[in-house]
Amino acid sequence: MIDALYNYRQGDIHSAEFSDEFNKLCIPFENSLNDEQIDVFHKILDCVSDTAVAEMRAAYKVGFKDGTIFMREVQE
């Protein structure tokens, strides 16, 4: 059920934009790659993004569970 809540709320979670430092490093680096290297680089970035999503989902679950523990303690 927590996954369903997370997935429903996902549209309301605003994603951060890349930092200026990331853009200063990434754009020139990407421009220096050939087409095959660009494909691999994009796949690497997708893997990093997928990992970040998994970490956010796990943190959401832990936060949700912690919140319910706090509510139970307050009720006692």
C-alpha atoms as a PDB file:
ATOM      1  CA  MET A   1       0.000   0.000   0.000  1.00  0.00           C
ATOM      2  CA  ILE A   2       2.867   2.390   0.741  1.00  0.00           C
ATOM      3  CA  ASP A   3       4.170   1.784  -2.792  1.00  0.00           C
ATOM      4  CA  ALA A   4       0.754   2.697  -4.185  1.00  0.00           C
ATOM      5  CA  LEU A   5       0.739   5.919  -2.165  1.00  0.00           C
ATOM      6  CA  TYR A   6       4.236   6.750  -3.344  1.00  0.00           C
ATOM      7  CA  ASN A   7       3.384   6.056  -6.973  1.00  0.00           C
ATOM      8  CA  TYR A   8       0.244   8.185  -6.713  1.00  0.00           C
ATOM      9  CA  ARG A   9       2.158  11.080  -5.120  1.00  0.00           C
ATOM     10  CA  GLN A  10       5.057  10.800  -7.539  1.00  0.00           C
ATOM     11  CA  GLY A  11       3.487  13.394  -9.853  1.00  0.00           C
ATOM     12  CA  ASP A  12       3.384  15.872  -6.949  1.00  0.00           C
ATOM     13  CA  ILE A  13       7.083  15.433  -6.170  1.00  0.00           C
ATOM     14  CA  HIS A  14       9.038  18.135  -7.920  1.00  0.00           C
ATOM     15  CA  SER A  15      12.372  17.001  -9.208  1.00  0.00           C
ATOM     16  CA  ALA A  16      15.472  19.068  -8.716  1.00  0.00           C
ATOM     17  CA  GLU A  17      17.214  20.583 -11.690  1.00  0.00           C
ATOM     18  CA  PHE A  18      20.809  19.835 -12.532  1.00  0.00           C
ATOM     19  CA  SER A  19      23.257  22.106 -10.784  1.00  0.00           C
ATOM     20  CA  ASP A  20      25.354  24.604 -12.681  1.00  0.00           C
ATOM     21  CA  GLU A  21      28.409  22.543 -11.785  1.00  0.00           C
ATOM     22  CA  PHE A  22      26.852  19.417 -13.320  1.00  0.00           C
ATOM     23  CA  ASN A  23      26.007  21.303 -16.514  1.00  0.00           C
ATOM     24  CA  LYS A  24      29.512  22.777 -16.722  1.00  0.00           C
ATOM     25  CA  LEU A  25      30.986  19.284 -16.482  1.00  0.00           C
ATOM     26  CA  CYS A  26      28.433  17.207 -18.331  1.00  0.00           C
ATOM     27  CA  ILE A  27      27.716  19.257 -21.442  1.00  0.00           C
ATOM     28  CA  PRO A  28      31.351  19.652 -22.594  1.00  0.00           C
ATOM     29  CA  PHE A  29      32.024  16.018 -21.705  1.00  0.00           C
ATOM     30  CA  GLU A  30      29.035  14.808 -23.720  1.00  0.00           C
ATOM     31  CA  ASN A  31      30.055  16.994 -26.660  1.00  0.00           C
ATOM     32  CA  SER A  32      33.462  15.285 -26.685  1.00  0.00           C
ATOM     33  CA  LEU A  33      31.971  11.799 -27.141  1.00  0.00           C
ATOM     34  CA  ASN A  34      31.208   9.923 -30.317  1.00  0.00           C
ATOM     35  CA  ASP A  35      27.701   8.530 -30.956  1.00  0.00           C
ATOM     36  CA  GLU A  36      28.384   5.124 -29.408  1.00  0.00           C
ATOM     37  CA  GLN A  37      29.922   6.689 -26.304  1.00  0.00           C
ATOM     38  CA  ILE A  38      26.967   9.065 -25.981  1.00  0.00           C
ATOM     39  CA  ASP A  39      24.588   6.078 -25.980  1.00  0.00           C
ATOM     40  CA  VAL A  40      26.606   4.403 -23.215  1.00  0.00           C
ATOM     41  CA  PHE A  41      26.790   7.656 -21.252  1.00  0.00           C
ATOM     42  CA  HIS A  42      23.003   8.085 -21.461  1.00  0.00           C
ATOM     43  CA  LYS A  43      22.515   4.497 -20.268  1.00  0.00           C
ATOM     44  CA  ILE A  44      24.800   5.225 -17.313  1.00  0.00           C
ATOM     45  CA  LEU A  45      22.781   8.349 -16.490  1.00  0.00           C
ATOM     46  CA  ASP A  46      19.574   6.273 -16.694  1.00  0.00           C
ATOM     47  CA  CYS A  47      21.044   3.754 -14.235  1.00  0.00           C
ATOM     48  CA  VAL A  48      21.965   6.567 -11.851  1.00  0.00           C
ATOM     49  CA  SER A  49      18.441   7.970 -12.165  1.00  0.00           C
ATOM     50  CA  ASP A  50      16.866   4.551 -11.510  1.00  0.00           C
ATOM     51  CA  THR A  51      19.020   4.166  -8.399  1.00  0.00           C
ATOM     52  CA  ALA A  52      17.955   7.603  -7.147  1.00  0.00           C
ATOM     53  CA  VAL A  53      14.298   6.675  -7.662  1.00  0.00           C
ATOM     54  CA  ALA A  54      14.753   3.438  -5.701  1.00  0.00           C
ATOM     55  CA  GLU A  55      16.434   5.364  -2.868  1.00  0.00           C
ATOM     56  CA  MET A  56      13.616   7.934  -2.816  1.00  0.00           C
ATOM     57  CA  ARG A  57      10.995   5.176  -2.707  1.00  0.00           C
ATOM     58  CA  ALA A  58      12.827   3.457   0.167  1.00  0.00           C
ATOM     59  CA  ALA A  59      13.162   6.743   2.064  1.00  0.00           C
ATOM     60  CA  TYR A  60       9.451   7.449   1.525  1.00  0.00           C
ATOM     61  CA  LYS A  61       8.551   4.057   2.992  1.00  0.00           C
ATOM     62  CA  VAL A  62      10.793   4.559   6.021  1.00  0.00           C
ATOM     63  CA  GLY A  63       9.444   8.084   6.563  1.00  0.00           C
ATOM     64  CA  PHE A  64       5.871   6.851   6.277  1.00  0.00           C
ATOM     65  CA  LYS A  65       6.501   4.062   8.766  1.00  0.00           C
ATOM     66  CA  ASP A  66       8.275   6.463  11.161  1.00  0.00           C
ATOM     67  CA  GLY A  67       5.328   8.835  10.890  1.00  0.00           C
ATOM     68  CA  THR A  68       2.881   6.108  11.890  1.00  0.00           C
ATOM     69  CA  ILE A  69       5.077   5.163  14.850  1.00  0.00           C
ATOM     70  CA  PHE A  70       5.077   8.784  16.019  1.00  0.00           C
ATOM     71  CA  MET A  71       1.298   9.010  15.651  1.00  0.00           C
ATOM     72  CA  ARG A  72       0.834   5.833  17.699  1.00  0.00           C
ATOM     73  CA  GLU A  73       3.110   7.202  20.445  1.00  0.00           C
ATOM     74  CA  VAL A  74       1.173  10.470  20.569  1.00  0.00           C
ATOM     75  CA  GLN A  75      -2.106   8.558  20.930  1.00  0.00           C
ATOM     76  CA  GLU A  76      -0.810   6.632  23.959  1.00  0.00           C
END
